[in-house]
N, C-alpha and C. Protein backbone atom coordinates (compact mmCIF):
# COMPACT_ATOMS: atom_id res chain seq x y z
N MET A 1 69.20 48.76 52.98
CA MET A 1 69.51 50.54 53.19
C MET A 1 68.37 51.46 52.59
N LYS A 2 67.52 51.06 51.60
CA LYS A 2 66.66 51.68 51.16
C LYS A 2 65.44 52.04 52.26
N PRO A 3 65.24 50.84 52.90
CA PRO A 3 64.02 50.67 54.11
C PRO A 3 64.33 51.47 55.16
N LEU A 4 65.69 51.93 55.38
CA LEU A 4 66.13 52.58 56.37
C LEU A 4 65.80 53.96 56.26
N ILE A 5 66.24 54.36 55.13
CA ILE A 5 66.22 55.91 54.47
C ILE A 5 64.50 56.30 54.49
N LEU A 6 64.03 55.06 53.67
CA LEU A 6 62.55 55.30 53.81
C LEU A 6 61.78 55.50 55.05
N LEU A 7 62.08 54.95 55.99
CA LEU A 7 61.49 54.69 57.49
C LEU A 7 61.87 56.36 57.97
N SER A 8 63.36 56.74 57.97
CA SER A 8 63.76 58.03 58.58
C SER A 8 63.11 59.30 57.67
N LEU A 9 62.85 59.05 56.57
CA LEU A 9 61.89 60.21 55.54
C LEU A 9 60.59 60.37 56.29
N ILE A 10 60.00 59.05 56.49
CA ILE A 10 58.56 59.17 57.01
C ILE A 10 58.61 59.67 58.20
N ILE A 11 59.18 59.22 59.22
CA ILE A 11 59.67 60.00 60.42
C ILE A 11 59.69 61.40 60.58
N VAL A 12 60.32 62.01 59.73
CA VAL A 12 60.86 63.27 59.49
C VAL A 12 59.31 63.74 58.97
N SER A 13 58.99 63.30 57.83
CA SER A 13 57.76 64.22 57.26
C SER A 13 56.53 63.83 58.32
N TRP A 14 56.56 63.21 59.07
CA TRP A 14 55.25 62.75 60.03
C TRP A 14 55.64 63.94 61.34
N THR A 15 56.65 64.25 61.69
CA THR A 15 57.02 65.23 62.90
C THR A 15 57.11 66.72 62.51
N ALA A 16 57.21 66.78 61.02
CA ALA A 16 57.37 68.25 60.64
C ALA A 16 56.12 69.11 60.68
N PRO A 17 54.88 68.50 60.62
CA PRO A 17 53.49 69.36 61.07
C PRO A 17 53.26 69.62 62.49
N ALA A 18 53.89 68.60 63.17
CA ALA A 18 53.92 68.76 64.97
C ALA A 18 54.87 70.21 64.96
N LEU A 19 56.08 70.21 64.39
CA LEU A 19 56.86 71.54 64.63
C LEU A 19 56.44 72.85 64.10
N ALA A 20 55.65 72.53 63.00
CA ALA A 20 54.97 73.70 62.54
C ALA A 20 53.69 74.48 63.15
N GLN A 21 52.94 73.71 64.03
CA GLN A 21 52.20 74.03 64.96
C GLN A 21 52.46 74.63 66.19
N ASN A 22 53.74 74.33 66.69
CA ASN A 22 54.45 75.15 67.66
C ASN A 22 54.88 76.67 67.45
N GLU A 23 54.51 77.31 66.76
CA GLU A 23 55.04 78.54 66.33
C GLU A 23 54.70 79.75 67.40
N VAL A 24 55.86 80.27 67.69
CA VAL A 24 55.83 81.13 69.09
C VAL A 24 55.59 82.72 68.37
N ASP A 25 54.44 83.47 68.48
CA ASP A 25 54.80 85.00 68.14
C ASP A 25 55.20 85.66 69.28
N LEU A 26 56.61 86.49 69.18
CA LEU A 26 57.00 87.03 69.88
C LEU A 26 57.06 88.52 69.59
N GLU A 27 56.47 89.39 70.48
CA GLU A 27 56.20 90.75 70.10
C GLU A 27 57.69 91.42 70.52
N GLY A 28 58.16 92.39 69.31
CA GLY A 28 59.47 93.14 69.54
C GLY A 28 59.40 94.37 70.08
N ALA A 29 60.39 94.98 70.56
CA ALA A 29 60.43 96.08 71.39
C ALA A 29 60.00 97.28 70.44
N ARG A 30 59.79 98.43 70.90
CA ARG A 30 59.25 99.24 69.79
C ARG A 30 60.05 100.51 70.40
N ILE A 31 60.62 101.24 69.98
CA ILE A 31 61.41 102.58 70.35
C ILE A 31 61.06 103.61 69.55
N PHE A 32 60.04 104.60 70.03
CA PHE A 32 59.88 105.85 69.52
C PHE A 32 60.62 106.99 69.67
N GLY A 33 61.47 107.00 68.63
CA GLY A 33 62.28 108.23 68.58
C GLY A 33 63.02 108.49 69.73
N ASN A 34 63.32 109.42 70.48
CA ASN A 34 63.97 109.80 71.72
C ASN A 34 63.38 109.26 72.76
N LYS A 35 62.36 109.00 73.01
CA LYS A 35 61.62 108.76 74.00
C LYS A 35 62.16 107.84 75.05
N GLU A 36 62.71 106.84 74.56
CA GLU A 36 63.68 105.77 75.44
C GLU A 36 64.87 106.38 76.02
N LEU A 37 65.21 107.59 75.66
CA LEU A 37 66.26 108.25 76.32
C LEU A 37 66.14 108.93 77.76
N PRO A 38 66.80 108.97 78.85
CA PRO A 38 66.35 109.81 79.84
C PRO A 38 66.74 111.33 79.55
N ASN A 39 65.80 112.17 80.11
CA ASN A 39 65.38 113.57 80.11
C ASN A 39 66.75 114.08 80.92
N ILE A 40 67.76 114.64 80.39
CA ILE A 40 69.08 115.01 80.91
C ILE A 40 69.16 116.52 80.20
N THR A 41 69.41 117.65 80.88
CA THR A 41 70.06 118.89 80.59
C THR A 41 71.42 119.16 80.97
N TYR A 42 72.43 119.29 79.94
CA TYR A 42 73.50 119.80 80.28
C TYR A 42 73.58 121.32 80.30
N ILE A 43 74.26 121.87 81.36
CA ILE A 43 74.30 123.27 80.92
C ILE A 43 76.18 123.49 81.13
N VAL A 44 76.11 124.27 80.04
CA VAL A 44 77.57 124.17 79.67
C VAL A 44 78.15 126.05 79.64
N PRO A 45 78.61 126.31 80.74
CA PRO A 45 79.36 127.68 80.52
C PRO A 45 80.18 128.32 79.29
N TRP A 46 79.53 129.15 78.91
CA TRP A 46 80.18 129.76 77.69
C TRP A 46 81.54 130.96 77.85
N GLN A 47 81.71 131.12 79.33
CA GLN A 47 82.94 131.76 79.53
C GLN A 47 83.55 131.25 80.88
N ASP A 48 84.64 131.48 80.74
CA ASP A 48 85.30 130.87 82.09
C ASP A 48 85.27 131.51 83.10
N GLU A 49 85.02 130.91 84.40
CA GLU A 49 85.10 131.61 85.61
C GLU A 49 86.25 132.56 85.95
N ARG A 50 85.83 133.75 86.54
CA ARG A 50 86.84 134.47 87.03
C ARG A 50 86.79 134.85 88.30
N LEU A 51 87.33 133.86 88.87
CA LEU A 51 87.52 133.96 90.42
C LEU A 51 88.81 134.75 91.15
N ASP A 52 89.61 134.94 90.28
CA ASP A 52 90.62 135.81 90.68
C ASP A 52 90.45 136.97 91.09
N THR A 53 89.09 137.69 89.99
CA THR A 53 89.15 139.15 90.22
C THR A 53 88.23 139.52 91.53
N ILE A 54 87.78 138.37 92.15
CA ILE A 54 87.03 138.90 93.47
C ILE A 54 87.99 138.52 94.48
N GLU A 55 88.15 139.93 95.21
CA GLU A 55 88.55 140.07 96.34
C GLU A 55 88.07 139.60 97.68
N ILE A 56 88.42 138.70 98.53
CA ILE A 56 87.53 137.87 99.32
C ILE A 56 88.48 138.62 100.89
N GLN A 57 87.82 139.38 101.67
CA GLN A 57 88.68 139.62 102.72
C GLN A 57 88.28 138.58 104.08
N PRO A 58 88.52 138.54 104.89
CA PRO A 58 88.67 137.89 106.03
C PRO A 58 87.62 138.77 106.90
N ILE A 59 86.80 138.39 107.71
CA ILE A 59 85.92 139.09 108.67
C ILE A 59 86.38 139.32 109.38
N GLY A 60 87.61 139.04 110.14
CA GLY A 60 88.47 139.63 111.20
C GLY A 60 89.03 141.17 110.58
N ASN A 61 89.46 141.19 109.57
CA ASN A 61 89.91 142.66 108.97
C ASN A 61 89.02 143.33 108.93
N LEU A 62 87.83 143.21 108.51
CA LEU A 62 86.73 144.08 108.24
C LEU A 62 86.38 144.70 109.97
N PHE A 63 86.31 143.99 110.73
CA PHE A 63 86.14 144.41 112.34
C PHE A 63 87.35 145.30 112.68
N GLU A 64 88.50 145.17 112.39
CA GLU A 64 89.86 145.42 112.79
C GLU A 64 89.80 146.77 112.17
N GLU A 65 89.49 147.03 110.90
CA GLU A 65 89.46 148.37 110.44
C GLU A 65 88.28 149.22 110.91
N ALA A 66 87.11 148.46 111.23
CA ALA A 66 85.96 149.57 111.78
C ALA A 66 86.62 149.90 112.88
N LEU A 67 87.29 149.28 113.87
CA LEU A 67 87.67 149.86 115.23
C LEU A 67 89.10 150.63 115.27
N GLU A 68 89.75 150.82 113.98
CA GLU A 68 91.04 151.58 114.09
C GLU A 68 90.63 153.19 114.11
N PRO A 69 91.36 153.98 114.82
CA PRO A 69 91.32 155.50 114.78
C PRO A 69 91.37 155.93 113.29
N VAL A 70 90.45 156.98 113.25
CA VAL A 70 90.32 157.51 111.95
C VAL A 70 91.16 158.98 112.04
N ASP A 71 92.08 159.21 110.62
CA ASP A 71 92.52 160.68 110.34
C ASP A 71 91.52 161.56 110.24
N ARG A 72 91.68 162.77 110.93
CA ARG A 72 90.48 163.71 110.59
C ARG A 72 90.63 164.21 109.09
N GLU A 73 91.54 164.72 108.46
CA GLU A 73 91.68 164.95 106.98
C GLU A 73 91.48 164.08 105.86
N ILE A 74 91.69 162.93 106.08
CA ILE A 74 91.10 161.63 105.40
C ILE A 74 89.73 161.69 105.22
N PHE A 75 89.32 161.78 106.77
CA PHE A 75 87.71 161.41 106.97
C PHE A 75 86.93 162.51 106.14
N LYS A 76 87.51 163.82 106.26
CA LYS A 76 86.85 164.91 105.68
C LYS A 76 86.98 164.95 104.14
N ARG A 77 87.84 164.18 103.78
CA ARG A 77 88.03 164.06 102.31
C ARG A 77 86.98 163.03 101.66
N LYS A 78 86.87 162.11 102.33
CA LYS A 78 86.06 160.90 101.98
C LYS A 78 84.45 161.63 101.93
N ILE A 79 84.02 162.46 103.34
CA ILE A 79 82.77 163.04 103.30
C ILE A 79 82.50 163.80 102.08
N GLU A 80 83.33 164.83 101.78
CA GLU A 80 83.19 165.68 100.46
C GLU A 80 83.02 164.85 99.33
N LEU A 81 83.77 164.04 98.94
CA LEU A 81 83.72 163.15 97.81
C LEU A 81 82.47 162.44 97.94
N TYR A 82 81.95 162.07 98.83
CA TYR A 82 80.42 161.30 99.15
C TYR A 82 79.36 162.30 98.72
N GLN A 83 79.41 163.48 99.14
CA GLN A 83 78.38 164.65 99.03
C GLN A 83 78.73 165.01 97.75
N LEU A 84 79.47 165.01 97.05
CA LEU A 84 79.70 165.42 95.49
C LEU A 84 79.16 164.23 94.60
N LEU A 85 79.13 162.94 94.80
CA LEU A 85 78.88 162.13 94.25
C LEU A 85 77.23 162.02 94.42
N GLN A 86 76.81 162.15 95.76
CA GLN A 86 75.16 162.22 95.93
C GLN A 86 74.86 163.36 95.12
N LYS A 87 75.65 164.42 94.97
CA LYS A 87 74.66 165.60 94.00
C LYS A 87 74.58 165.21 92.62
N THR A 88 75.54 164.20 91.97
CA THR A 88 75.70 163.95 90.58
C THR A 88 74.50 162.90 90.19
N LEU A 89 74.30 162.24 91.29
CA LEU A 89 73.21 161.07 91.15
C LEU A 89 71.84 161.92 91.22
């Protein structure tokens, strides 16, 4: 039994230097701060959108209003109001 143990120790001690000579040096990954992250900009609104305050009229209504007959008294009042506003500006 002793010669078998002695033989196995000799074989192991003989192959140990061969294993030590096969060292492989691997270079690890290097991360510098946040340079590895993608450049992304997040734009976050600070107020809610108010779409309900915008009144959108269909184009057809604008053409119909332009072609309607004009009341004489209402038109005169609009002209007077426009002239007053132009004087104040």
